[in-house]
């Protein structure tokens, strides 16, 4: 690939980035991504950060092992020199999400076995049972005036029960994590003092709960993932803080992004009734449909925190030593150089895979599980509720890094 980096001589990149964090821009970022790609598949913002929006360029950046995660630079620049003393920042930015090898390699290896194709296949019956129960709940809620909230009634309980079952969190304890994880995840969006204060309270509650659960599993193993992590021995033994941090990240990633996938996907299907009818009539489309829904409106839009440890070149992109790199996954997934008619939903689309789960050593651990949830959920919803429709305007969740809905009123009748 030829060099595609562009210098932002007129502030156009910064103008688009500023627009992205507005309510309008975060709700529908795709016209803004078009403007970025018109500048070039990668362009430098005024502070020197390389903003990558093209598919090929994003793919190259995500897979290059030479780039390093450097969250401390982001946090220090945002005025959080004390970030190691803040529960929310320490819990998020001390996780494998933002760690480098060899620490990242060791910690990821300890949980990778939980997300193998075989293990995920074994979980499919549980996913089907959880989806069926959520459909029953949604049907009952729709008898209420004004319909039901798809997020509260389906898009949240399905993934939180799936990841809760995998980790070993008792069913009665799972509902509390919707507000807790959403508050904690705000540190990925904005690092204002108020946001961090609220996130600290949530992170402390999550940490305390998981520490108590881990202690209980050490005393009485239950065959779940937390039990397995407490039983690891030798060089693979996790410290208490490592175990809690890992469990918290798996919990958050296991439902926060999948909630976005389910709500975004439903909105896309309802906006394209012809494609929804195809999926209802052709359940074999479930696998490619899940990929297309991931591409069309990715639940993760932006990845940040990577930087070049030295001057290097990645796929034709020249990077200076210390230069930060931000990848816009949502923009890459709508790149017309990679996808024909990228703004159309085409459930049997062929071509390159979406970049919604990242790539390289930081590729999302839970991607196979999220795919199964989508493959089970959407055909079940469309079959069970042939008249499923919006009952009011969707309410987007705030922020741009994680993309989804806070509320989604629907009618099933």
Protein backbone atom coordinates (compact mmCIF):
# COMPACT_ATOMS: atom_id res chain seq x y z
CA UNK A 1 0.00 0.00 0.00
CA UNK A 2 1.36 3.39 -0.92
CA UNK A 3 1.82 6.03 1.72
CA UNK A 4 -1.64 7.28 2.69
CA UNK A 5 -0.87 9.55 5.65
CA UNK A 6 -1.87 13.19 5.24
CA UNK A 7 -0.96 16.21 7.30
CA UNK A 8 -3.88 18.28 8.54
CA UNK A 9 -2.84 21.66 7.33
CA UNK A 10 -6.24 23.34 7.61
CA UNK A 11 -7.64 21.78 10.80
CA UNK A 12 -10.17 19.61 8.95
CA UNK A 13 -9.36 16.50 11.00
CA UNK A 14 -9.79 18.34 14.30
CA UNK A 15 -13.04 19.84 13.05
CA UNK A 16 -14.42 16.37 12.30
CA UNK A 17 -13.18 14.95 15.61
CA UNK A 18 -14.88 17.78 17.47
CA UNK A 19 -18.12 17.06 15.60
CA UNK A 20 -17.89 13.36 16.46
CA UNK A 21 -18.20 13.98 20.20
CA UNK A 22 -21.39 16.05 19.84
CA UNK A 23 -24.71 14.27 20.42
CA UNK A 24 -25.51 14.52 16.72
CA UNK A 25 -22.11 13.25 15.64
CA UNK A 26 -22.04 10.31 18.03
CA UNK A 27 -25.57 9.28 17.03
CA UNK A 28 -24.73 9.18 13.31
CA UNK A 29 -20.97 9.39 12.80
CA UNK A 30 -20.93 7.98 9.28
CA UNK A 31 -21.18 11.24 7.28
CA UNK A 32 -18.27 12.54 9.39
CA UNK A 33 -16.26 9.43 8.58
CA UNK A 34 -16.85 10.14 4.89
CA UNK A 35 -15.30 13.57 5.41
CA UNK A 36 -12.25 12.03 7.08
CA UNK A 37 -11.71 9.51 4.32
CA UNK A 38 -11.97 12.33 1.78
CA UNK A 39 -8.85 13.80 3.43
CA UNK A 40 -7.14 10.41 3.25
CA UNK A 41 -7.31 6.92 4.80
CA UNK A 42 -5.03 8.29 7.53
CA UNK A 43 -4.42 11.89 8.51
CA UNK A 44 -2.65 13.66 11.37
CA UNK A 45 -4.63 15.82 13.78
CA UNK A 46 -3.20 19.08 15.10
CA UNK A 47 -1.70 17.36 18.17
CA UNK A 48 0.13 14.89 15.92
CA UNK A 49 -2.18 11.90 16.55
CA UNK A 50 -2.58 9.82 13.40
CA UNK A 51 -6.31 9.27 12.83
CA UNK A 52 -6.85 6.17 10.67
CA UNK A 53 -10.19 5.76 8.89
CA UNK A 54 -9.47 3.55 5.86
CA UNK A 55 -10.05 -0.20 6.06
CA UNK A 56 -6.66 -1.33 4.77
CA UNK A 57 -4.79 1.20 6.91
CA UNK A 58 -6.79 0.31 10.05
CA UNK A 59 -6.20 -3.40 9.47
CA UNK A 60 -2.44 -2.86 9.14
CA UNK A 61 -2.29 -0.77 12.32
CA UNK A 62 -4.35 -3.23 14.38
CA UNK A 63 -2.14 -6.17 13.43
CA UNK A 64 1.28 -4.57 13.84
CA UNK A 65 2.95 -5.88 16.99
CA UNK A 66 5.44 -3.04 17.08
CA UNK A 67 2.87 -0.52 18.24
CA UNK A 68 2.55 -0.31 21.99
CA UNK A 69 -0.31 0.55 24.28
CA UNK A 70 0.49 3.71 26.21
CA UNK A 71 -2.61 4.63 28.25
CA UNK A 72 -0.57 6.55 30.80
CA UNK A 73 0.20 9.18 28.16
CA UNK A 74 -3.49 9.67 27.42
CA UNK A 75 -4.38 9.83 31.10
CA UNK A 76 -1.56 12.20 32.00
CA UNK A 77 -2.45 14.48 29.09
CA UNK A 78 -6.04 14.55 30.37
CA UNK A 79 -4.83 15.69 33.79
CA UNK A 80 -4.99 12.33 35.59
CA UNK A 81 -1.43 12.00 36.85
CA UNK A 82 -2.90 10.15 39.85
CA UNK A 83 -4.62 7.58 37.67
CA UNK A 84 -3.16 4.61 39.56
CA UNK A 85 -4.95 5.88 42.66
CA UNK A 86 -8.33 6.13 40.92
CA UNK A 87 -10.29 2.83 41.11
CA UNK A 88 -11.98 3.20 37.73
CA UNK A 89 -8.83 4.16 35.83
CA UNK A 90 -6.66 1.56 37.53
CA UNK A 91 -9.23 -1.18 36.87
CA UNK A 92 -9.74 -0.29 33.18
CA UNK A 93 -6.26 0.81 32.15
CA UNK A 94 -4.54 -1.93 34.11
CA UNK A 95 -6.42 -4.65 32.21
CA UNK A 96 -5.26 -6.65 29.19
CA UNK A 97 -7.25 -4.19 27.07
CA UNK A 98 -4.36 -1.76 27.43
CA UNK A 99 -1.39 -3.91 28.44
CA UNK A 100 1.60 -4.96 26.31
CA UNK A 101 3.49 -8.26 26.00
CA UNK A 102 4.79 -10.14 27.89
CA UNK A 103 2.29 -9.32 30.65
CA UNK A 104 -0.57 -9.17 28.14
CA UNK A 105 0.49 -12.52 26.63
CA UNK A 106 0.50 -14.30 29.99
CA UNK A 107 -2.86 -12.94 31.15
CA UNK A 108 -4.61 -13.52 27.84
CA UNK A 109 -3.40 -17.12 27.70
CA UNK A 110 -5.07 -17.82 31.04
CA UNK A 111 -8.57 -17.09 29.76
CA UNK A 112 -8.29 -17.92 26.06
CA UNK A 113 -9.45 -21.51 26.67
CA UNK A 114 -12.85 -20.20 27.77
CA UNK A 115 -13.50 -18.77 24.31
CA UNK A 116 -12.40 -21.59 22.01
CA UNK A 117 -14.77 -22.69 19.24
CA UNK A 118 -15.52 -25.89 21.17
CA UNK A 119 -16.31 -24.09 24.42
CA UNK A 120 -18.51 -21.53 22.66
CA UNK A 121 -20.34 -24.34 20.82
CA UNK A 122 -21.01 -25.94 24.19
CA UNK A 123 -22.56 -22.66 25.36
CA UNK A 124 -24.97 -22.41 22.40
CA UNK A 125 -27.80 -24.33 24.16
CA UNK A 126 -27.49 -21.94 27.11
CA UNK A 127 -27.59 -18.97 24.73
CA UNK A 128 -30.72 -20.39 23.06
CA UNK A 129 -32.38 -20.87 26.44
CA UNK A 130 -31.50 -17.34 27.56
CA UNK A 131 -32.71 -15.82 24.28
CA UNK A 132 -36.01 -17.73 24.50
CA UNK A 133 -36.57 -16.50 28.06
CA UNK A 134 -35.82 -12.92 26.99
CA UNK A 135 -38.33 -13.24 24.13
CA UNK A 136 -40.95 -14.38 26.65
CA UNK A 137 -40.18 -11.36 28.80
CA UNK A 138 -40.33 -9.03 25.81
CA UNK A 139 -43.73 -10.44 24.82
CA UNK A 140 -45.06 -9.82 28.31
CA UNK A 141 -43.64 -6.31 28.50
CA UNK A 142 -45.26 -5.38 25.19
CA UNK A 143 -48.68 -5.73 26.81
CA UNK A 144 -47.84 -2.60 28.75
CA UNK A 145 -48.83 0.82 27.44
CA UNK A 146 -46.22 2.24 25.10
CA UNK A 147 -44.63 -1.11 24.28
CA UNK A 148 -41.39 -2.27 25.84
CA UNK A 149 -37.76 -1.17 26.06
CA UNK A 150 -35.71 -3.56 23.95
CA UNK A 151 -32.49 -2.62 25.74
CA UNK A 152 -33.81 -3.28 29.23
CA UNK A 153 -35.89 -6.29 28.20
CA UNK A 154 -33.59 -8.07 25.77
CA UNK A 155 -30.32 -6.42 24.68
CA UNK A 156 -29.04 -6.16 28.25
CA UNK A 157 -30.33 -9.35 29.92
CA UNK A 158 -29.26 -11.70 27.12
CA UNK A 159 -25.52 -10.91 27.12
CA UNK A 160 -25.30 -10.26 30.86
CA UNK A 161 -26.85 -13.67 31.55
CA UNK A 162 -24.57 -15.37 29.01
CA UNK A 163 -21.37 -13.86 30.41
CA UNK A 164 -22.71 -14.27 33.95
CA UNK A 165 -23.21 -17.97 33.34
CA UNK A 166 -19.69 -18.30 31.93
CA UNK A 167 -18.07 -16.42 34.82
CA UNK A 168 -20.26 -17.96 37.52
CA UNK A 169 -22.15 -14.88 38.71
CA UNK A 170 -25.44 -15.94 40.34
CA UNK A 171 -28.49 -14.99 38.27
CA UNK A 172 -29.98 -12.86 41.06
CA UNK A 173 -26.85 -10.68 41.16
CA UNK A 174 -26.58 -9.94 37.43
CA UNK A 175 -29.09 -7.08 36.94
CA UNK A 176 -27.09 -4.67 39.11
CA UNK A 177 -24.21 -4.68 36.64
CA UNK A 178 -26.01 -2.76 33.88
CA UNK A 179 -25.72 0.59 35.62
CA UNK A 180 -22.40 -0.24 37.28
CA UNK A 181 -20.58 -1.25 34.10
CA UNK A 182 -22.12 1.56 32.06
CA UNK A 183 -20.87 4.09 34.61
CA UNK A 184 -17.42 2.49 34.76
CA UNK A 185 -17.12 2.31 30.95
CA UNK A 186 -17.49 6.08 30.73
CA UNK A 187 -13.75 6.32 31.32
CA UNK A 188 -13.36 5.09 27.72
CA UNK A 189 -15.40 8.05 26.50
CA UNK A 190 -14.53 11.12 28.50
CA UNK A 191 -12.13 11.72 31.36
CA UNK A 192 -13.89 14.64 33.05
CA UNK A 193 -13.59 14.81 36.86
CA UNK A 194 -17.34 14.13 37.29
CA UNK A 195 -17.31 11.14 34.93
CA UNK A 196 -14.28 9.66 36.69
CA UNK A 197 -15.83 10.22 40.13
CA UNK A 198 -18.96 8.31 39.11
CA UNK A 199 -16.87 5.65 37.44
CA UNK A 200 -14.79 5.28 40.61
CA UNK A 201 -17.89 4.50 42.65
CA UNK A 202 -19.00 1.90 40.10
CA UNK A 203 -15.54 0.34 39.80
CA UNK A 204 -15.27 0.03 43.58
CA UNK A 205 -18.62 -1.77 43.75
CA UNK A 206 -17.61 -4.11 40.90
CA UNK A 207 -14.22 -4.82 42.47
CA UNK A 208 -15.68 -5.53 45.91
CA UNK A 209 -18.29 -7.90 44.48
CA UNK A 210 -15.84 -9.84 42.32
CA UNK A 211 -13.25 -10.08 45.11
CA UNK A 212 -15.89 -11.59 47.41
CA UNK A 213 -17.04 -14.00 44.67
CA UNK A 214 -13.46 -15.08 43.95
CA UNK A 215 -12.90 -15.77 47.65
CA UNK A 216 -16.05 -17.87 47.72
CA UNK A 217 -14.93 -19.83 44.62
CA UNK A 218 -11.51 -20.49 46.16
CA UNK A 219 -13.28 -22.11 49.09
CA UNK A 220 -15.96 -23.85 47.00
CA UNK A 221 -15.11 -24.17 43.27
CA UNK A 222 -18.17 -24.32 41.02
CA UNK A 223 -16.81 -25.28 37.61
CA UNK A 224 -17.11 -21.77 36.18
CA UNK A 225 -14.45 -19.42 34.76
CA UNK A 226 -13.82 -17.58 38.02
CA UNK A 227 -13.29 -20.92 39.75
CA UNK A 228 -10.83 -21.92 37.01
CA UNK A 229 -8.91 -18.67 37.43
CA UNK A 230 -8.67 -19.14 41.19
CA UNK A 231 -7.36 -22.69 40.70
CA UNK A 232 -4.52 -21.79 38.28
CA UNK A 233 -1.19 -22.84 39.74
CA UNK A 234 2.52 -22.21 39.30
CA UNK A 235 3.62 -19.42 36.98
CA UNK A 236 0.04 -19.04 35.79
CA UNK A 237 -1.33 -18.18 39.20
CA UNK A 238 -3.12 -14.86 39.14
CA UNK A 239 -2.69 -12.36 41.92
CA UNK A 240 -5.88 -11.29 43.62
CA UNK A 241 -5.84 -7.96 41.79
CA UNK A 242 -5.14 -9.61 38.42
CA UNK A 243 -8.07 -11.99 38.86
CA UNK A 244 -10.51 -9.25 39.78
CA UNK A 245 -9.30 -7.01 36.96
CA UNK A 246 -9.63 -9.83 34.43
CA UNK A 247 -13.10 -10.80 35.63
CA UNK A 248 -14.25 -7.18 35.55
CA UNK A 249 -13.04 -6.69 31.99
CA UNK A 250 -14.66 -9.93 30.81
CA UNK A 251 -17.90 -8.93 32.50
CA UNK A 252 -17.91 -5.46 30.94
CA UNK A 253 -16.78 -6.56 27.48
CA UNK A 254 -19.10 -9.55 27.61
CA UNK A 255 -22.27 -7.51 27.76
CA UNK A 256 -21.58 -3.82 27.13
CA UNK A 257 -20.52 -4.29 23.51
CA UNK A 258 -22.95 -7.14 22.81
CA UNK A 259 -25.81 -5.00 24.12
CA UNK A 260 -24.74 -2.46 21.49
CA UNK A 261 -24.57 -5.14 18.80
CA UNK A 262 -28.11 -6.33 19.58
CA UNK A 263 -29.68 -2.87 19.76
CA UNK A 264 -27.82 -1.50 16.73
CA UNK A 265 -28.60 -4.65 14.78
CA UNK A 266 -32.30 -4.51 15.53
CA UNK A 267 -32.52 -0.86 14.47
CA UNK A 268 -30.72 -1.71 11.22
CA UNK A 269 -33.03 -4.65 10.49
CA UNK A 270 -36.18 -2.64 11.19
CA UNK A 271 -34.89 0.08 8.86
CA UNK A 272 -34.38 -2.57 6.15
CA UNK A 273 -37.58 -4.67 6.23
CA UNK A 274 -36.64 -6.54 3.05
CA UNK A 275 -33.45 -7.85 4.66
CA UNK A 276 -35.31 -8.64 7.89
CA UNK A 277 -37.81 -10.69 5.88
CA UNK A 278 -34.96 -12.58 4.22
CA UNK A 279 -33.43 -13.49 7.57
CA UNK A 280 -36.83 -14.59 8.88
CA UNK A 281 -37.33 -16.84 5.85
CA UNK A 282 -33.73 -18.04 5.53
CA UNK A 283 -32.31 -18.87 8.98
CA UNK A 284 -29.13 -20.11 7.27
CA UNK A 285 -28.32 -16.43 6.75
CA UNK A 286 -27.70 -16.06 10.49
CA UNK A 287 -23.90 -16.25 10.28
CA UNK A 288 -23.31 -13.79 7.42
CA UNK A 289 -26.08 -11.57 8.84
CA UNK A 290 -24.24 -11.27 12.15
CA UNK A 291 -21.08 -10.21 10.30
CA UNK A 292 -22.97 -7.65 8.22
CA UNK A 293 -24.73 -6.18 11.25
CA UNK A 294 -21.36 -5.88 12.98
CA UNK A 295 -20.00 -4.06 9.94
CA UNK A 296 -23.00 -1.84 9.30
CA UNK A 297 -23.13 -0.26 12.78
CA UNK A 298 -20.26 -1.43 14.95
CA UNK A 299 -20.77 -1.40 18.74
CA UNK A 300 -17.13 -0.30 19.10
CA UNK A 301 -16.33 2.69 16.93
CA UNK A 302 -12.93 3.88 18.08
CA UNK A 303 -9.75 2.34 19.51
CA UNK A 304 -7.12 4.58 21.01
CA UNK A 305 -4.04 4.25 23.19
CA UNK A 306 -1.54 2.85 20.68
CA UNK A 307 1.71 4.65 19.95
CA UNK A 308 4.93 4.09 18.03
CA UNK A 309 7.90 3.29 20.32
CA UNK A 310 10.25 4.48 17.59
CA UNK A 311 10.08 5.84 14.07
CA UNK A 312 8.57 3.13 11.89
CA UNK A 313 6.34 2.50 8.88
CA UNK A 314 3.16 0.43 8.91
CA UNK A 315 1.49 -0.38 5.62
CA UNK A 316 2.86 2.77 4.05
CA UNK A 317 2.07 4.95 7.08
CA UNK A 318 5.15 6.77 8.39
CA UNK A 319 5.04 7.18 12.17
CA UNK A 320 7.34 9.30 14.29
CA UNK A 321 8.72 8.01 17.58
CA UNK A 322 6.05 8.46 20.25
CA UNK A 323 3.30 9.33 17.78
CA UNK A 324 -0.16 8.23 18.93
CA UNK A 325 -2.53 6.33 16.64
CA UNK A 326 -6.32 6.29 16.78
CA UNK A 327 -8.22 3.77 14.65
CA UNK A 328 -11.81 4.47 13.64
CA UNK A 329 -13.34 1.01 13.28
CA UNK A 330 -16.73 2.38 12.29
CA UNK A 331 -15.16 4.36 9.47
CA UNK A 332 -13.11 1.40 8.24
CA UNK A 333 -16.25 -0.75 8.13
CA UNK A 334 -17.91 1.73 5.76
CA UNK A 335 -14.85 2.26 3.52
CA UNK A 336 -15.99 2.08 -0.14
CA UNK A 337 -12.51 0.91 -1.09
CA UNK A 338 -13.21 -2.31 0.85
CA UNK A 339 -17.01 -2.68 0.63
CA UNK A 340 -19.27 -2.01 -2.34
CA UNK A 341 -22.27 0.13 -1.42
CA UNK A 342 -21.01 0.37 2.18
CA UNK A 343 -24.05 2.31 3.43
CA UNK A 344 -26.44 -0.49 2.42
CA UNK A 345 -27.30 -3.42 4.68
CA UNK A 346 -26.74 -6.62 2.67
CA UNK A 347 -27.07 -9.67 4.91
CA UNK A 348 -25.35 -12.08 2.53
CA UNK A 349 -22.52 -9.68 1.76
CA UNK A 350 -19.20 -11.24 0.81
CA UNK A 351 -15.80 -9.64 1.12
CA UNK A 352 -13.35 -8.79 3.87
CA UNK A 353 -14.37 -9.29 7.50
CA UNK A 354 -15.46 -6.27 9.55
CA UNK A 355 -12.93 -4.80 11.96
CA UNK A 356 -15.50 -4.47 14.74
CA UNK A 357 -13.56 -6.79 17.07
CA UNK A 358 -10.18 -5.16 16.41
CA UNK A 359 -7.27 -7.28 15.28
CA UNK A 360 -3.86 -8.67 16.12
CA UNK A 361 -2.87 -9.55 19.66
CA UNK A 362 -5.68 -7.38 21.06
CA UNK A 363 -8.43 -9.04 18.98
CA UNK A 364 -11.54 -9.31 21.15
CA UNK A 365 -11.43 -12.47 23.27
CA UNK A 366 -15.20 -12.74 23.37
CA UNK A 367 -15.78 -12.32 19.63
CA UNK A 368 -16.89 -15.96 19.08
CA UNK A 369 -19.41 -15.69 21.93
CA UNK A 370 -20.81 -12.36 20.70
CA UNK A 371 -21.24 -13.85 17.23
CA UNK A 372 -23.19 -16.81 18.61
CA UNK A 373 -25.45 -14.49 20.60
CA UNK A 374 -26.23 -12.47 17.47
CA UNK A 375 -26.71 -15.60 15.33
CA UNK A 376 -29.22 -16.96 17.83
CA UNK A 377 -30.94 -13.72 18.83
CA UNK A 378 -31.89 -12.09 15.53
CA UNK A 379 -33.59 -15.08 13.87
CA UNK A 380 -35.38 -15.84 17.14
CA UNK A 381 -36.67 -12.27 17.43
CA UNK A 382 -37.82 -12.02 13.81
CA UNK A 383 -39.54 -15.42 13.93
CA UNK A 384 -41.21 -14.94 17.30
CA UNK A 385 -42.31 -11.36 16.55
CA UNK A 386 -43.14 -10.95 12.84
CA UNK A 387 -44.69 -7.54 13.58
CA UNK A 388 -41.75 -6.26 15.62
CA UNK A 389 -41.47 -2.49 15.13
CA UNK A 390 -40.20 0.65 16.77
CA UNK A 391 -42.69 2.17 19.20
CA UNK A 392 -40.87 5.49 19.48
CA UNK A 393 -37.57 7.17 18.64
CA UNK A 394 -34.43 5.28 19.73
CA UNK A 395 -32.44 6.96 22.50
CA UNK A 396 -28.69 6.66 21.78
CA UNK A 397 -26.26 6.00 24.58
CA UNK A 398 -23.86 8.91 25.12
CA UNK A 399 -20.32 8.73 23.79
CA UNK A 400 -18.63 7.63 20.60
CA UNK A 401 -16.16 4.88 21.52
CA UNK A 402 -18.98 2.51 22.53
CA UNK A 403 -21.96 2.85 20.20
CA UNK A 404 -25.47 1.70 21.01
CA UNK A 405 -28.73 2.72 22.62
CA UNK A 406 -29.74 3.63 26.15
CA UNK A 407 -33.39 2.93 25.36
CA UNK A 408 -35.12 1.38 22.36
CA UNK A 409 -38.94 1.36 22.54
CA UNK A 410 -40.47 -1.49 20.51
CA UNK A 411 -43.83 -3.08 19.92
CA UNK A 412 -44.16 -6.81 19.27
CA UNK A 413 -47.84 -6.78 18.18
